[in-house]
Amino acid sequence: MALTHFDAEGDAHMVDVSDKAVTSRVAKAESYIKMAADTFDIISEGRAKKGDVLGVARLAGIMAAKRTADLIPLCHPLPITKVSVELTPDASLPGVRIVATVKTTGQTGVEMEALTAASVTALTVYDMAKAVDKAMEIGGTRVVLKEGGKSGRYEAT
């Protein structure tokens, strides 16, 4: 199977989606950020000096999804119809689990938008709490669901 972002000469290019059908599409991506137990307590109890860490991170993730084509060189700018970002404090990490869901009706999928939203959400949590915990770890970023288009449904196992 060939990579779609390279032409016959091996040069990078934007994929031509003009012949693809317009369909409803959704993608869901996840990530997490691990932190020290004390940092987890500060965030989950709303005691961070910079303010509402989870609320700010949610907004950053939503904004990031809308700006994906500005960040990833070969992404198509898409008419996003919905972005949601769920942040769930998880004492077993300890840290925050992130799930970003992006929807559109268009000719190409929104996996990159969901991945970007999840990533920037985690980065924003780091930024808001780095004064107390520089050792936080971001990981597990992956697409967990993709629906729509000719390739159909993908769900991570």
Protein backbone atom coordinates (compact mmCIF):
# COMPACT_ATOMS: atom_id res chain seq x y z
CA MET A 1 0.00 0.00 0.00
CA ALA A 2 1.37 3.42 -0.98
CA LEU A 3 1.41 6.48 1.24
CA THR A 4 -1.19 8.93 -0.05
CA HIS A 5 0.72 12.14 0.68
CA PHE A 6 3.46 11.40 -1.88
CA ASP A 7 3.16 11.58 -5.66
CA ALA A 8 4.72 9.21 -8.23
CA GLU A 9 8.04 11.07 -7.94
CA GLY A 10 8.07 10.81 -4.14
CA ASP A 11 7.28 14.48 -3.55
CA ALA A 12 4.92 15.46 -0.74
CA HIS A 13 1.56 16.81 -1.87
CA MET A 14 -1.95 17.44 -0.60
CA VAL A 15 -4.26 14.56 -1.48
CA ASP A 16 -6.95 15.43 -4.05
CA VAL A 17 -10.29 14.67 -2.39
CA SER A 18 -12.46 16.32 -5.05
CA ASP A 19 -13.81 12.97 -6.32
CA LYS A 20 -14.63 11.65 -2.84
CA ALA A 21 -18.22 11.55 -1.66
CA VAL A 22 -19.41 14.04 0.92
CA THR A 23 -20.33 11.97 3.99
CA SER A 24 -20.78 12.42 7.71
CA ARG A 25 -17.48 11.73 9.42
CA VAL A 26 -16.40 11.43 13.02
CA ALA A 27 -13.10 10.72 14.73
CA LYS A 28 -12.27 10.20 18.36
CA ALA A 29 -8.76 10.36 19.81
CA GLU A 30 -7.44 9.84 23.30
CA SER A 31 -4.41 10.86 25.31
CA TYR A 32 -3.41 11.12 28.94
CA ILE A 33 -1.13 13.15 31.15
CA LYS A 34 0.43 11.53 34.21
CA MET A 35 1.57 13.64 37.13
CA ALA A 36 2.61 13.53 40.76
CA ALA A 37 -0.16 12.79 43.26
CA ASP A 38 0.17 16.31 44.72
CA THR A 39 -0.28 17.85 41.26
CA PHE A 40 -3.30 15.64 40.64
CA ASP A 41 -4.84 16.87 43.90
CA ILE A 42 -4.19 20.53 43.01
CA ILE A 43 -5.85 20.13 39.59
CA SER A 44 -8.78 17.94 40.65
CA GLU A 45 -9.53 20.20 43.63
CA GLY A 46 -9.32 23.37 41.51
CA ARG A 47 -6.43 24.88 43.50
CA ALA A 48 -4.07 25.73 40.61
CA LYS A 49 -2.71 29.27 40.75
CA LYS A 50 -3.33 29.76 37.02
CA GLY A 51 -7.03 28.93 37.40
CA ASP A 52 -9.33 26.22 36.06
CA VAL A 53 -6.79 23.86 34.48
CA LEU A 54 -9.34 21.45 33.00
CA GLY A 55 -11.61 24.20 31.66
CA VAL A 56 -8.75 26.05 29.98
CA ALA A 57 -7.37 22.79 28.56
CA ARG A 58 -10.79 21.89 27.13
CA LEU A 59 -11.02 25.24 25.34
CA ALA A 60 -7.46 24.87 24.04
CA GLY A 61 -8.30 21.45 22.60
CA ILE A 62 -11.41 22.77 20.86
CA MET A 63 -9.46 25.70 19.41
CA ALA A 64 -6.65 23.37 18.29
CA ALA A 65 -9.04 21.12 16.35
CA LYS A 66 -10.23 24.17 14.43
CA ARG A 67 -6.64 25.17 13.59
CA THR A 68 -5.27 21.76 12.55
CA ALA A 69 -4.83 22.69 8.88
CA ASP A 70 -2.64 25.62 10.02
CA LEU A 71 -0.38 23.24 11.98
CA ILE A 72 -0.16 20.07 9.87
CA PRO A 73 1.12 21.02 6.40
CA LEU A 74 -0.90 18.62 4.22
CA CYS A 75 -4.21 18.65 6.13
CA HIS A 76 -7.26 20.01 4.38
CA PRO A 77 -9.07 22.90 6.06
CA LEU A 78 -12.41 21.38 7.02
CA PRO A 79 -15.83 22.69 8.03
CA ILE A 80 -15.90 21.20 11.50
CA THR A 81 -19.44 20.77 12.80
CA LYS A 82 -18.65 19.65 16.37
CA VAL A 83 -15.70 19.33 18.72
CA SER A 84 -15.96 17.96 22.22
CA VAL A 85 -13.14 17.36 24.66
CA GLU A 86 -13.68 15.26 27.78
CA LEU A 87 -11.14 15.42 30.60
CA THR A 88 -11.45 12.79 33.30
CA PRO A 89 -9.29 12.95 36.41
CA ASP A 90 -7.95 9.46 37.10
CA ALA A 91 -6.34 8.87 40.49
CA SER A 92 -4.94 5.53 39.29
CA LEU A 93 -2.53 7.28 36.88
CA PRO A 94 -2.50 9.75 38.71
CA GLY A 95 -3.45 12.23 36.03
CA VAL A 96 -6.05 13.17 33.47
CA ARG A 97 -7.49 11.07 30.65
CA ILE A 98 -8.52 13.00 27.55
CA VAL A 99 -10.97 12.06 24.79
CA ALA A 100 -11.50 14.43 21.86
CA THR A 101 -14.33 13.90 19.37
CA VAL A 102 -14.56 15.81 16.08
CA LYS A 103 -17.35 15.72 13.49
CA THR A 104 -17.75 17.07 9.99
CA THR A 105 -19.66 16.49 6.79
CA GLY A 106 -17.10 16.49 4.04
CA GLN A 107 -14.82 14.67 1.65
CA THR A 108 -12.09 13.69 4.09
CA GLY A 109 -11.87 12.55 7.69
CA VAL A 110 -11.15 14.39 10.90
CA GLU A 111 -8.64 12.05 12.54
CA MET A 112 -5.92 14.70 12.55
CA GLU A 113 -8.26 17.22 14.13
CA ALA A 114 -9.14 14.79 16.92
CA LEU A 115 -5.47 13.91 17.50
CA THR A 116 -4.52 17.59 17.54
CA ALA A 117 -7.31 18.39 20.01
CA ALA A 118 -6.24 15.58 22.37
CA SER A 119 -2.56 16.55 22.12
CA VAL A 120 -3.05 20.27 22.71
CA THR A 121 -5.40 19.55 25.60
CA ALA A 122 -2.65 17.51 27.28
CA LEU A 123 -0.04 20.16 26.48
CA THR A 124 -2.25 22.82 28.04
CA VAL A 125 -2.62 20.81 31.26
CA TYR A 126 1.19 20.60 31.30
CA ASP A 127 1.54 24.34 30.73
CA MET A 128 -0.94 25.20 33.46
CA ALA A 129 0.74 22.93 36.05
CA LYS A 130 4.43 22.92 35.10
CA ALA A 131 5.28 25.33 37.92
CA VAL A 132 4.58 22.55 40.41
CA ASP A 133 5.44 19.45 38.33
CA LYS A 134 7.90 19.56 35.44
CA ALA A 135 8.05 15.74 35.33
CA MET A 136 4.51 15.25 33.99
CA GLU A 137 4.30 12.69 31.18
CA ILE A 138 2.03 12.88 28.13
CA GLY A 139 1.28 9.64 26.32
CA GLY A 140 -1.14 7.19 24.80
CA THR A 141 -2.18 9.54 22.02
CA ARG A 142 -4.07 7.57 19.37
CA VAL A 143 -7.19 7.41 17.23
CA VAL A 144 -9.74 5.19 18.93
CA LEU A 145 -12.64 5.65 16.49
CA LYS A 146 -13.08 6.75 12.90
CA GLU A 147 -16.36 6.58 10.96
CA GLY A 148 -17.41 7.72 7.52
CA GLY A 149 -15.88 7.75 4.09
CA LYS A 150 -15.05 4.84 1.83
CA SER A 151 -12.77 3.11 4.34
CA GLY A 152 -15.70 2.80 6.75
CA ARG A 153 -15.43 2.29 10.48
CA TYR A 154 -12.25 1.81 12.49
CA GLU A 155 -12.33 1.18 16.21
CA ALA A 156 -9.22 0.55 18.28
CA THR A 157 -9.07 -2.59 20.32
